[in-house]
Amino acid sequence: MPFPFTDLTTVKQRPARVISSETFNARQGDVIVLAITSQLPPTVGPEEYRLSSEDQRAAGLPKPSVVKCSTLLTIDQRLIRKVLGRLPPQTLDHVKQHLLTLLG
């Protein structure tokens, strides 16, 4: 999907994880997503969740990746180009915990 840079100067195609509920998605026509990046930081902070190799394969990602809980966006569902894969429920629970920690 096209994911804007935080300064809104441009967008970059990148994978994302939908975190909004199916009820929200059906009612709104929008989805809430978190960015996923293959730019791995030297140290993963509390606002990031490093995907395991199993998670990476399940999500259909070609490279080791990090879910960036600090990069949250609401977009129109029509902007999603395709589904690459799915994160296991246990991994999604970990991502949610990182998001809740970030939000306080």
C-alpha atoms as a PDB file:
ATOM      1  CA  MET A   1       0.000   0.000   0.000  1.00  0.00           C
ATOM      2  CA  PRO A   2       1.147   3.595  -0.425  1.00  0.00           C
ATOM      3  CA  PHE A   3       2.403   4.672   2.993  1.00  0.00           C
ATOM      4  CA  PRO A   4       3.160   8.393   3.489  1.00  0.00           C
ATOM      5  CA  PHE A   5       6.368   9.600   5.093  1.00  0.00           C
ATOM      6  CA  THR A   6       5.709  11.279   8.433  1.00  0.00           C
ATOM      7  CA  ASP A   7       6.426  14.720   6.923  1.00  0.00           C
ATOM      8  CA  LEU A   8       3.843  13.953   4.176  1.00  0.00           C
ATOM      9  CA  THR A   9       6.286  14.899   1.381  1.00  0.00           C
ATOM     10  CA  THR A  10       5.929  11.586  -0.448  1.00  0.00           C
ATOM     11  CA  VAL A  11       4.663   8.030  -0.170  1.00  0.00           C
ATOM     12  CA  LYS A  12       6.407   4.690  -0.438  1.00  0.00           C
ATOM     13  CA  GLN A  13       4.913   1.327  -1.272  1.00  0.00           C
ATOM     14  CA  ARG A  14       5.345  -0.825   1.806  1.00  0.00           C
ATOM     15  CA  PRO A  15       3.690  -3.692   3.582  1.00  0.00           C
ATOM     16  CA  ALA A  16       1.424  -2.911   6.503  1.00  0.00           C
ATOM     17  CA  ARG A  17      -0.479  -4.782   9.181  1.00  0.00           C
ATOM     18  CA  VAL A  18      -4.192  -4.053   9.479  1.00  0.00           C
ATOM     19  CA  ILE A  19      -5.024  -3.689  13.176  1.00  0.00           C
ATOM     20  CA  SER A  20      -8.607  -2.438  13.017  1.00  0.00           C
ATOM     21  CA  SER A  21     -11.435  -4.875  13.615  1.00  0.00           C
ATOM     22  CA  GLU A  22     -13.443  -6.370  10.777  1.00  0.00           C
ATOM     23  CA  THR A  23     -16.518  -4.596  12.204  1.00  0.00           C
ATOM     24  CA  PHE A  24     -14.753  -1.225  11.951  1.00  0.00           C
ATOM     25  CA  ASN A  25     -13.464  -2.032   8.462  1.00  0.00           C
ATOM     26  CA  ALA A  26     -16.927  -3.017   7.205  1.00  0.00           C
ATOM     27  CA  ARG A  27     -18.640   0.003   8.753  1.00  0.00           C
ATOM     28  CA  GLN A  28     -16.096   2.633   7.782  1.00  0.00           C
ATOM     29  CA  GLY A  29     -14.636   1.500   4.479  1.00  0.00           C
ATOM     30  CA  ASP A  30     -11.290   2.430   6.046  1.00  0.00           C
ATOM     31  CA  VAL A  31      -8.647   0.376   7.833  1.00  0.00           C
ATOM     32  CA  ILE A  32      -6.161   1.260  10.544  1.00  0.00           C
ATOM     33  CA  VAL A  33      -2.681  -0.034   9.736  1.00  0.00           C
ATOM     34  CA  LEU A  34       0.840  -0.180  11.128  1.00  0.00           C
ATOM     35  CA  ALA A  35       3.861   0.172   8.857  1.00  0.00           C
ATOM     36  CA  ILE A  36       6.216  -2.740   8.294  1.00  0.00           C
ATOM     37  CA  THR A  37       9.800  -2.068   7.246  1.00  0.00           C
ATOM     38  CA  SER A  38      12.815  -4.137   6.294  1.00  0.00           C
ATOM     39  CA  GLN A  39      15.099  -1.316   7.520  1.00  0.00           C
ATOM     40  CA  LEU A  40      16.139  -3.032  10.734  1.00  0.00           C
ATOM     41  CA  PRO A  41      17.397  -0.761  13.511  1.00  0.00           C
ATOM     42  CA  PRO A  42      20.539  -1.779  15.433  1.00  0.00           C
ATOM     43  CA  THR A  43      18.359  -2.075  18.541  1.00  0.00           C
ATOM     44  CA  VAL A  44      14.617  -2.713  18.437  1.00  0.00           C
ATOM     45  CA  GLY A  45      12.806  -0.254  20.696  1.00  0.00           C
ATOM     46  CA  PRO A  46       9.540  -0.707  22.592  1.00  0.00           C
ATOM     47  CA  GLU A  47       7.649   0.937  19.702  1.00  0.00           C
ATOM     48  CA  GLU A  48       8.802  -1.789  17.294  1.00  0.00           C
ATOM     49  CA  TYR A  49       8.241  -5.509  17.033  1.00  0.00           C
ATOM     50  CA  ARG A  50      10.800  -7.625  15.173  1.00  0.00           C
ATOM     51  CA  LEU A  51       9.129 -10.424  13.252  1.00  0.00           C
ATOM     52  CA  SER A  52      10.571 -13.903  13.608  1.00  0.00           C
ATOM     53  CA  SER A  53      11.530 -15.841  10.482  1.00  0.00           C
ATOM     54  CA  GLU A  54       8.292 -17.843  10.879  1.00  0.00           C
ATOM     55  CA  ASP A  55       6.278 -14.606  11.121  1.00  0.00           C
ATOM     56  CA  GLN A  56       8.088 -13.254   8.075  1.00  0.00           C
ATOM     57  CA  ARG A  57       7.170 -16.317   6.016  1.00  0.00           C
ATOM     58  CA  ALA A  58       3.540 -16.310   7.223  1.00  0.00           C
ATOM     59  CA  ALA A  59       3.241 -12.619   6.336  1.00  0.00           C
ATOM     60  CA  GLY A  60       4.695 -13.206   2.865  1.00  0.00           C
ATOM     61  CA  LEU A  61       7.565 -10.789   3.444  1.00  0.00           C
ATOM     62  CA  PRO A  62      10.762 -11.300   1.415  1.00  0.00           C
ATOM     63  CA  LYS A  63      13.150  -9.846   4.039  1.00  0.00           C
ATOM     64  CA  PRO A  64      13.499  -9.740   7.827  1.00  0.00           C
ATOM     65  CA  SER A  65      11.144  -7.004   9.007  1.00  0.00           C
ATOM     66  CA  VAL A  66       9.933  -4.878  11.898  1.00  0.00           C
ATOM     67  CA  VAL A  67       6.375  -3.731  12.632  1.00  0.00           C
ATOM     68  CA  LYS A  68       6.548  -0.024  13.491  1.00  0.00           C
ATOM     69  CA  CYS A  69       3.851   0.574  16.101  1.00  0.00           C
ATOM     70  CA  SER A  70       4.683   4.289  16.076  1.00  0.00           C
ATOM     71  CA  THR A  71       3.720   4.558  12.399  1.00  0.00           C
ATOM     72  CA  LEU A  72      -0.059   4.268  12.541  1.00  0.00           C
ATOM     73  CA  LEU A  73      -2.371   5.334   9.725  1.00  0.00           C
ATOM     74  CA  THR A  74      -6.039   5.202   8.757  1.00  0.00           C
ATOM     75  CA  ILE A  75      -6.569   4.723   5.014  1.00  0.00           C
ATOM     76  CA  ASP A  76      -9.281   3.895   2.519  1.00  0.00           C
ATOM     77  CA  GLN A  77      -9.389   0.120   1.977  1.00  0.00           C
ATOM     78  CA  ARG A  78      -9.212   0.641  -1.787  1.00  0.00           C
ATOM     79  CA  LEU A  79      -5.576   1.711  -1.413  1.00  0.00           C
ATOM     80  CA  ILE A  80      -4.540  -1.794  -0.361  1.00  0.00           C
ATOM     81  CA  ARG A  81      -2.981  -3.390  -3.423  1.00  0.00           C
ATOM     82  CA  LYS A  82      -2.875  -7.024  -2.296  1.00  0.00           C
ATOM     83  CA  VAL A  83      -2.677  -9.331   0.693  1.00  0.00           C
ATOM     84  CA  LEU A  84       0.791 -10.828   1.090  1.00  0.00           C
ATOM     85  CA  GLY A  85       0.020 -13.126   4.023  1.00  0.00           C
ATOM     86  CA  ARG A  86      -1.150 -13.116   7.610  1.00  0.00           C
ATOM     87  CA  LEU A  87       0.607 -12.835  10.942  1.00  0.00           C
ATOM     88  CA  PRO A  88      -0.202 -15.595  13.433  1.00  0.00           C
ATOM     89  CA  PRO A  89      -2.637 -14.594  16.225  1.00  0.00           C
ATOM     90  CA  GLN A  90       0.094 -14.901  18.888  1.00  0.00           C
ATOM     91  CA  THR A  91       2.300 -12.472  16.955  1.00  0.00           C
ATOM     92  CA  LEU A  92      -0.580 -10.049  16.570  1.00  0.00           C
ATOM     93  CA  ASP A  93      -1.051 -10.198  20.361  1.00  0.00           C
ATOM     94  CA  HIS A  94       2.615  -9.189  20.807  1.00  0.00           C
ATOM     95  CA  VAL A  95       2.206  -6.332  18.337  1.00  0.00           C
ATOM     96  CA  LYS A  96      -0.910  -5.141  20.203  1.00  0.00           C
ATOM     97  CA  GLN A  97       1.033  -5.153  23.485  1.00  0.00           C
ATOM     98  CA  HIS A  98       3.762  -3.000  21.925  1.00  0.00           C
ATOM     99  CA  LEU A  99       1.102  -0.630  20.598  1.00  0.00           C
ATOM    100  CA  LEU A 100      -0.590  -0.387  24.010  1.00  0.00           C
ATOM    101  CA  THR A 101       2.779   0.307  25.661  1.00  0.00           C
ATOM    102  CA  LEU A 102       3.410   3.077  23.159  1.00  0.00           C
ATOM    103  CA  LEU A 103      -0.017   4.638  23.739  1.00  0.00           C
ATOM    104  CA  GLY A 104       0.369   4.449  27.516  1.00  0.00           C
END
